[in-house]
Amino acid sequence: MPVVDAPASGWLILDKPRGLGSTQAVAAVKRNLREAGLPKTKVGHGGTLDPLAEGVLPIALGEATKLCGRMLDSDKTYEFTIAFGEETDTLDTEGEVIARSDHRPPMAAVAAVLEHFTGAIEQVPPAYSAVKIDGKRAYDRARAGEDVEPKVREVTIHSLSFASDYEPQTELTSSFATTSGRPDPFDPASPLMLADSVTLRAHVSKGTYIRSLARDIARALGSVGHVTYLRRVKAGPFLEEQAISLDKLNEIGRGAPLRDLLLPLEAGLDDIPALNLDQTSAQAVRQGRVLSELPQSNGLYCAMLDNVPVALVELNAGTAKVVRGFNLPDVAE
């Protein structure tokens, strides 16, 4: 059993498989750390993924758990498939069908409607969601048979597009015209090509429900629909290319070095500039004292001593105040 002086701090980026809940993913990390004989470590996640969803789930260890709140507030990017023709009460494949439609929208109509769901929009969260209504989770009320009506909220869809390279034409051209001069409805590029389903990619703000977005897109197209596939490909600064499989995670419990898979704490702060400190200033920050007469512009900084994060500080008019301190050992230690 290895001897380790202090619990690890940093990020494990898990490629969460479908069927596993976020809380179960955290439990899996804790189990592997325990089986590896590593010190008991605080573990948290940076943004819930439904069991039916898959993809990027940042898992924070040690001091990185202090950044979970920031990760929850960060933008996310998803790929998702809308199946047209049926809407379910959960807005995914798990629920009961509550509405049907024979209408299938043309692909060109799907392309045209996407801009109407880009920018600041209003949406109603799903009845089966973690939104609290009078202090109780909406999904608990829905499962108890209550009529659930979550309040409208404003969210931001930064971008919304087809997940593939396919771009439907909005005007007829000779490239997909038949000899009769009419568009060929069986040509994938034809504006008359009808969609049973469509896979989209969305970059969204915190609080956005992809299931609600899919519902509203389907309704705007004169149909109904639900999500059959949902994958998070980016969470805050973390990309799916950085994510490890559950099998890879389980190798830690069998003796694989944690350091080979662990990203540093500051990897979750790549959008924040560094404020480099000397030893004296770092000690002052660790004691919660204010730094004055700094030349940097106003804003949030990650105060660093060499390559070690010391604290998040807010700088205003040359004065830096500690927002969140980190208890990490100096390199020299």
Protein backbone atom coordinates (compact mmCIF):
# COMPACT_ATOMS: atom_id res chain seq x y z
CA MET A 1 0.00 0.00 0.00
CA PRO A 2 1.57 3.32 -1.03
CA VAL A 3 2.36 5.91 1.58
CA VAL A 4 1.03 9.34 0.62
CA ASP A 5 1.48 12.47 2.72
CA ALA A 6 -1.60 14.37 1.63
CA PRO A 7 -4.82 13.77 -0.29
CA ALA A 8 -4.65 14.51 -4.01
CA SER A 9 -6.14 17.67 -5.46
CA GLY A 10 -7.20 18.14 -9.08
CA TRP A 11 -9.66 16.92 -11.69
CA LEU A 12 -10.60 13.54 -13.07
CA ILE A 13 -12.64 14.05 -16.25
CA LEU A 14 -14.91 11.05 -16.60
CA ASP A 15 -16.62 10.03 -19.83
CA LYS A 16 -19.77 9.07 -17.96
CA PRO A 17 -21.53 6.12 -19.56
CA ARG A 18 -25.26 5.99 -20.08
CA GLY A 19 -27.08 4.47 -17.12
CA LEU A 20 -24.71 5.79 -14.46
CA GLY A 21 -25.86 8.68 -12.27
CA SER A 22 -23.54 11.55 -11.32
CA THR A 23 -23.67 10.56 -7.64
CA GLN A 24 -22.76 7.00 -8.61
CA ALA A 25 -19.81 8.35 -10.60
CA VAL A 26 -18.54 10.19 -7.53
CA ALA A 27 -18.95 6.99 -5.52
CA ALA A 28 -16.93 5.08 -8.14
CA VAL A 29 -14.06 7.58 -7.79
CA LYS A 30 -14.14 7.28 -3.99
CA ARG A 31 -14.14 3.48 -4.24
CA ASN A 32 -11.11 3.45 -6.56
CA LEU A 33 -9.16 5.83 -4.32
CA ARG A 34 -9.96 3.62 -1.35
CA GLU A 35 -9.01 0.41 -3.17
CA ALA A 36 -5.74 2.05 -4.22
CA GLY A 37 -4.93 2.73 -0.58
CA LEU A 38 -4.87 6.49 -1.11
CA PRO A 39 -5.77 8.91 1.69
CA LYS A 40 -9.42 9.75 2.22
CA THR A 41 -10.15 12.57 -0.21
CA LYS A 42 -13.05 14.95 -0.60
CA VAL A 43 -14.73 14.31 -3.97
CA GLY A 44 -17.42 16.27 -5.84
CA HIS A 45 -18.69 16.73 -9.38
CA GLY A 46 -18.94 19.80 -11.57
CA GLY A 47 -22.41 19.50 -13.07
CA THR A 48 -25.06 16.80 -12.92
CA LEU A 49 -25.64 14.54 -15.92
CA ASP A 50 -28.89 12.57 -16.09
CA PRO A 51 -28.43 8.77 -16.00
CA LEU A 52 -29.67 8.60 -19.61
CA ALA A 53 -27.04 11.16 -20.68
CA GLU A 54 -23.38 10.46 -21.31
CA GLY A 55 -20.15 12.37 -21.73
CA VAL A 56 -17.97 14.87 -19.91
CA LEU A 57 -18.38 14.82 -16.12
CA PRO A 58 -15.67 16.75 -14.24
CA ILE A 59 -14.89 15.08 -10.90
CA ALA A 60 -13.10 17.31 -8.40
CA LEU A 61 -10.68 15.93 -5.80
CA GLY A 62 -9.40 17.64 -2.67
CA GLU A 63 -8.95 21.40 -2.99
CA ALA A 64 -10.50 21.36 -6.48
CA THR A 65 -13.90 20.73 -4.85
CA LYS A 66 -13.82 24.41 -3.90
CA LEU A 67 -14.31 25.12 -7.62
CA CYS A 68 -17.37 22.89 -8.13
CA GLY A 69 -19.68 25.89 -7.80
CA ARG A 70 -17.84 27.68 -10.61
CA MET A 71 -18.07 24.56 -12.75
CA LEU A 72 -21.82 24.32 -12.16
CA ASP A 73 -22.16 27.92 -13.40
CA SER A 74 -20.06 27.36 -16.52
CA ASP A 75 -21.26 26.95 -20.10
CA LYS A 76 -21.75 23.44 -21.47
CA THR A 77 -21.85 21.96 -24.98
CA TYR A 78 -24.08 19.02 -25.91
CA GLU A 79 -24.90 16.84 -28.88
CA PHE A 80 -28.42 15.48 -28.85
CA THR A 81 -30.89 13.67 -31.07
CA ILE A 82 -34.55 14.68 -31.36
CA ALA A 83 -36.90 11.91 -32.54
CA PHE A 84 -40.01 13.46 -34.10
CA GLY A 85 -43.49 12.00 -33.75
CA GLU A 86 -43.80 11.34 -30.01
CA GLU A 87 -43.46 13.50 -26.90
CA THR A 88 -43.00 11.79 -23.53
CA ASP A 89 -43.69 13.09 -20.04
CA THR A 90 -39.96 12.98 -19.23
CA LEU A 91 -39.02 14.35 -22.70
CA ASP A 92 -36.65 11.40 -23.17
CA THR A 93 -36.87 7.65 -23.83
CA GLU A 94 -37.65 6.79 -20.21
CA GLY A 95 -41.12 8.34 -20.04
CA GLU A 96 -44.63 7.57 -21.17
CA VAL A 97 -45.86 8.93 -24.52
CA ILE A 98 -48.22 11.86 -23.93
CA ALA A 99 -48.56 13.25 -27.47
CA ARG A 100 -48.16 11.97 -31.03
CA SER A 101 -47.89 13.62 -34.44
CA ASP A 102 -47.67 12.22 -37.95
CA HIS A 103 -45.97 15.38 -39.17
CA ARG A 104 -42.27 15.10 -40.04
CA PRO A 105 -40.52 18.42 -40.69
CA PRO A 106 -38.40 18.96 -43.81
CA MET A 107 -34.69 19.19 -43.04
CA ALA A 108 -34.64 22.69 -44.51
CA ALA A 109 -37.32 23.72 -41.99
CA VAL A 110 -35.18 22.33 -39.16
CA ALA A 111 -32.23 24.37 -40.41
CA ALA A 112 -34.35 27.51 -40.63
CA VAL A 113 -35.82 27.21 -37.13
CA LEU A 114 -32.48 26.91 -35.32
CA GLU A 115 -31.76 30.64 -35.41
CA HIS A 116 -35.00 31.26 -33.52
CA PHE A 117 -33.59 29.24 -30.61
CA THR A 118 -30.25 31.02 -30.54
CA GLY A 119 -29.43 33.79 -28.09
CA ALA A 120 -31.42 34.60 -24.96
CA ILE A 121 -34.57 32.49 -24.90
CA GLU A 122 -37.24 31.53 -22.41
CA GLN A 123 -37.89 27.90 -21.60
CA VAL A 124 -39.90 25.84 -19.14
CA PRO A 125 -37.84 23.11 -17.43
CA PRO A 126 -39.13 19.53 -17.72
CA ALA A 127 -41.59 18.31 -15.10
CA TYR A 128 -39.06 15.55 -14.44
CA SER A 129 -36.13 17.76 -13.43
CA ALA A 130 -34.22 18.81 -10.33
CA VAL A 131 -35.84 22.26 -10.30
CA LYS A 132 -37.36 22.98 -6.88
CA ILE A 133 -41.02 23.90 -6.61
CA ASP A 134 -42.00 25.10 -3.13
CA GLY A 135 -38.89 23.47 -1.71
CA LYS A 136 -39.41 20.07 -3.34
CA ARG A 137 -37.75 18.66 -6.47
CA ALA A 138 -40.00 18.72 -9.53
CA TYR A 139 -39.27 15.07 -10.35
CA ASP A 140 -40.35 14.00 -6.86
CA ARG A 141 -43.66 15.81 -7.31
CA ALA A 142 -44.12 14.39 -10.81
CA ARG A 143 -43.40 10.83 -9.65
CA ALA A 144 -45.94 11.31 -6.87
CA GLY A 145 -48.57 12.03 -9.53
CA GLU A 146 -48.78 15.79 -8.96
CA ASP A 147 -49.33 18.23 -11.81
CA VAL A 148 -45.97 19.96 -12.12
CA GLU A 149 -45.59 23.39 -13.72
CA PRO A 150 -42.03 24.72 -13.38
CA LYS A 151 -41.62 28.46 -13.86
CA VAL A 152 -40.34 29.94 -17.09
CA ARG A 153 -36.67 30.83 -16.98
CA GLU A 154 -34.34 32.72 -19.29
CA VAL A 155 -31.30 30.88 -20.61
CA THR A 156 -28.79 31.59 -23.36
CA ILE A 157 -28.13 29.37 -26.35
CA HIS A 158 -24.76 30.60 -27.59
CA SER A 159 -24.85 28.43 -30.71
CA LEU A 160 -27.10 25.77 -32.19
CA SER A 161 -26.32 23.80 -35.32
CA PHE A 162 -26.40 20.39 -36.94
CA ALA A 163 -23.95 18.03 -35.28
CA SER A 164 -22.72 16.76 -38.67
CA ASP A 165 -21.47 18.68 -41.70
CA TYR A 166 -24.89 18.44 -43.34
CA GLU A 167 -26.32 21.84 -44.27
CA PRO A 168 -29.75 21.65 -45.95
CA GLN A 169 -30.38 23.90 -48.91
CA THR A 170 -33.08 26.53 -48.51
CA GLU A 171 -33.39 27.20 -52.23
CA LEU A 172 -33.79 24.81 -55.14
CA THR A 173 -30.69 24.34 -57.26
CA SER A 174 -29.91 22.13 -60.23
CA SER A 175 -27.62 20.05 -57.99
CA PHE A 176 -30.61 18.27 -56.49
CA ALA A 177 -33.34 18.89 -59.07
CA THR A 178 -34.87 15.98 -60.91
CA THR A 179 -35.29 15.93 -64.66
CA SER A 180 -38.82 17.24 -64.12
CA GLY A 181 -37.38 20.35 -62.49
CA ARG A 182 -38.84 19.48 -59.09
CA PRO A 183 -36.70 18.74 -56.03
CA ASP A 184 -36.07 15.08 -55.31
CA PRO A 185 -37.59 14.26 -51.88
CA PHE A 186 -35.22 11.29 -51.51
CA ASP A 187 -32.06 13.38 -51.95
CA PRO A 188 -30.57 14.11 -48.48
CA ALA A 189 -29.73 17.63 -49.63
CA SER A 190 -33.26 18.33 -50.77
CA PRO A 191 -35.34 20.83 -48.80
CA LEU A 192 -38.18 18.31 -49.10
CA MET A 193 -36.21 15.57 -47.30
CA LEU A 194 -38.32 14.80 -44.21
CA ALA A 195 -36.68 14.17 -40.85
CA ASP A 196 -37.68 11.33 -38.55
CA SER A 197 -34.91 12.54 -36.28
CA VAL A 198 -32.11 15.08 -36.23
CA THR A 199 -28.89 15.40 -34.24
CA LEU A 200 -27.88 18.87 -33.11
CA ARG A 201 -25.01 20.50 -31.23
CA ALA A 202 -25.75 23.24 -28.68
CA HIS A 203 -23.44 25.50 -26.65
CA VAL A 204 -25.56 26.69 -23.75
CA SER A 205 -25.52 28.66 -20.51
CA LYS A 206 -26.05 27.21 -17.06
CA GLY A 207 -29.62 26.22 -16.28
CA THR A 208 -30.45 25.16 -19.85
CA TYR A 209 -32.43 21.94 -20.22
CA ILE A 210 -31.67 20.19 -23.49
CA ARG A 211 -34.84 18.11 -23.18
CA SER A 212 -36.90 21.31 -23.04
CA LEU A 213 -34.98 22.73 -26.00
CA ALA A 214 -35.75 19.58 -28.01
CA ARG A 215 -39.44 19.72 -27.05
CA ASP A 216 -39.73 23.36 -28.09
CA ILE A 217 -37.90 22.87 -31.40
CA ALA A 218 -40.20 19.98 -32.31
CA ARG A 219 -43.31 21.99 -31.45
CA ALA A 220 -42.06 25.00 -33.42
CA LEU A 221 -41.78 22.68 -36.44
CA GLY A 222 -45.40 21.63 -36.11
CA SER A 223 -44.57 18.25 -34.62
CA VAL A 224 -43.70 16.76 -31.24
CA GLY A 225 -40.50 15.08 -30.16
CA HIS A 226 -38.27 13.77 -27.42
CA VAL A 227 -34.55 13.23 -26.83
CA THR A 228 -33.19 9.79 -27.69
CA TYR A 229 -29.47 10.59 -27.36
CA LEU A 230 -27.70 13.16 -25.20
CA ARG A 231 -23.94 13.60 -24.86
CA ARG A 232 -22.06 16.40 -23.14
CA VAL A 233 -18.94 17.12 -25.17
CA LYS A 234 -17.65 20.09 -23.16
CA ALA A 235 -18.12 21.32 -19.59
CA GLY A 236 -16.48 24.63 -18.74
CA PRO A 237 -12.89 24.29 -19.97
CA PHE A 238 -12.97 20.48 -20.11
CA LEU A 239 -13.27 18.63 -23.44
CA GLU A 240 -14.33 15.09 -24.26
CA GLU A 241 -10.79 14.44 -25.52
CA GLN A 242 -9.63 14.79 -21.90
CA ALA A 243 -12.23 12.36 -20.54
CA ILE A 244 -11.39 8.85 -19.37
CA SER A 245 -13.61 5.78 -19.52
CA LEU A 246 -15.01 4.02 -16.49
CA ASP A 247 -12.63 1.13 -17.25
CA LYS A 248 -9.70 3.54 -17.15
CA LEU A 249 -10.94 4.94 -13.84
CA ASN A 250 -11.14 1.44 -12.41
CA GLU A 251 -7.46 0.90 -13.20
CA ILE A 252 -6.66 3.32 -10.36
CA GLY A 253 -8.13 0.85 -7.89
CA ARG A 254 -5.89 -1.83 -9.37
CA GLY A 255 -2.72 0.20 -8.86
CA ALA A 256 -2.47 2.55 -11.85
CA PRO A 257 -0.88 5.87 -10.80
CA LEU A 258 -3.53 8.52 -10.08
CA ARG A 259 -1.15 11.27 -11.23
CA ASP A 260 -1.26 9.91 -14.80
CA LEU A 261 -5.00 10.67 -15.02
CA LEU A 262 -5.36 13.66 -12.70
CA LEU A 263 -5.47 17.17 -14.16
CA PRO A 264 -4.20 19.98 -11.91
CA LEU A 265 -6.58 22.20 -9.95
CA GLU A 266 -5.79 25.18 -12.16
CA ALA A 267 -7.03 23.27 -15.24
CA GLY A 268 -10.49 24.35 -14.11
CA LEU A 269 -9.40 28.00 -14.19
CA ASP A 270 -7.99 28.34 -17.68
CA ASP A 271 -10.30 31.30 -18.38
CA ILE A 272 -8.86 33.26 -15.43
CA PRO A 273 -5.55 35.15 -15.69
CA ALA A 274 -2.76 34.36 -13.24
CA LEU A 275 -1.49 36.81 -10.64
CA ASN A 276 2.08 35.82 -9.83
CA LEU A 277 3.13 36.34 -6.22
CA ASP A 278 6.39 36.27 -4.31
CA GLN A 279 6.75 34.28 -1.10
CA THR A 280 5.83 37.22 1.14
CA SER A 281 2.70 38.13 -0.82
CA ALA A 282 1.65 34.48 -1.00
CA GLN A 283 1.91 34.19 2.77
CA ALA A 284 -0.22 37.31 3.18
CA VAL A 285 -2.90 35.92 0.84
CA ARG A 286 -2.92 32.60 2.71
CA GLN A 287 -3.62 34.55 5.87
CA GLY A 288 -6.54 36.30 4.16
CA ARG A 289 -4.83 39.68 4.08
CA VAL A 290 -5.40 42.27 1.34
CA LEU A 291 -2.75 43.10 -1.25
CA SER A 292 -2.53 46.75 -2.31
CA GLU A 293 -1.05 48.92 -5.06
CA LEU A 294 -1.21 46.25 -7.74
CA PRO A 295 -0.93 47.42 -11.37
CA GLN A 296 -3.26 44.83 -12.93
CA SER A 297 -6.73 45.71 -14.20
CA ASN A 298 -9.88 44.88 -12.24
CA GLY A 299 -11.21 41.33 -12.29
CA LEU A 300 -10.85 37.82 -10.96
CA TYR A 301 -7.36 36.29 -10.82
CA CYS A 302 -5.77 33.04 -9.77
CA ALA A 303 -2.98 34.03 -7.39
CA MET A 304 0.02 31.75 -7.97
CA LEU A 305 3.29 31.09 -6.15
CA ASP A 306 5.53 29.60 -8.80
CA ASN A 307 3.20 26.95 -10.27
CA VAL A 308 1.05 26.45 -7.18
CA PRO A 309 -2.43 28.04 -6.94
CA VAL A 310 -2.73 30.02 -3.71
CA ALA A 311 -6.18 31.59 -4.00
CA LEU A 312 -8.81 33.14 -6.21
CA VAL A 313 -8.65 36.89 -5.66
CA GLU A 314 -10.82 39.77 -6.81
CA LEU A 315 -8.80 42.80 -7.85
CA ASN A 316 -10.42 46.23 -7.72
CA ALA A 317 -8.63 49.59 -7.97
CA GLY A 318 -5.26 47.97 -7.27
CA THR A 319 -6.47 46.04 -4.22
CA ALA A 320 -6.78 42.24 -4.22
CA LYS A 321 -9.09 40.47 -1.79
CA VAL A 322 -9.27 36.72 -1.33
CA VAL A 323 -12.39 35.07 -2.75
CA ARG A 324 -11.37 31.45 -2.20
CA GLY A 325 -8.14 30.13 -0.73
CA PHE A 326 -6.44 26.84 -1.61
CA ASN A 327 -4.49 24.76 0.87
CA LEU A 328 -1.88 23.29 -1.44
CA PRO A 329 1.76 22.61 -0.49
CA ASP A 330 4.50 24.72 -2.05
CA VAL A 331 6.70 23.01 -4.60
CA ALA A 332 9.58 23.32 -2.16
CA GLU A 333 7.66 21.32 0.39
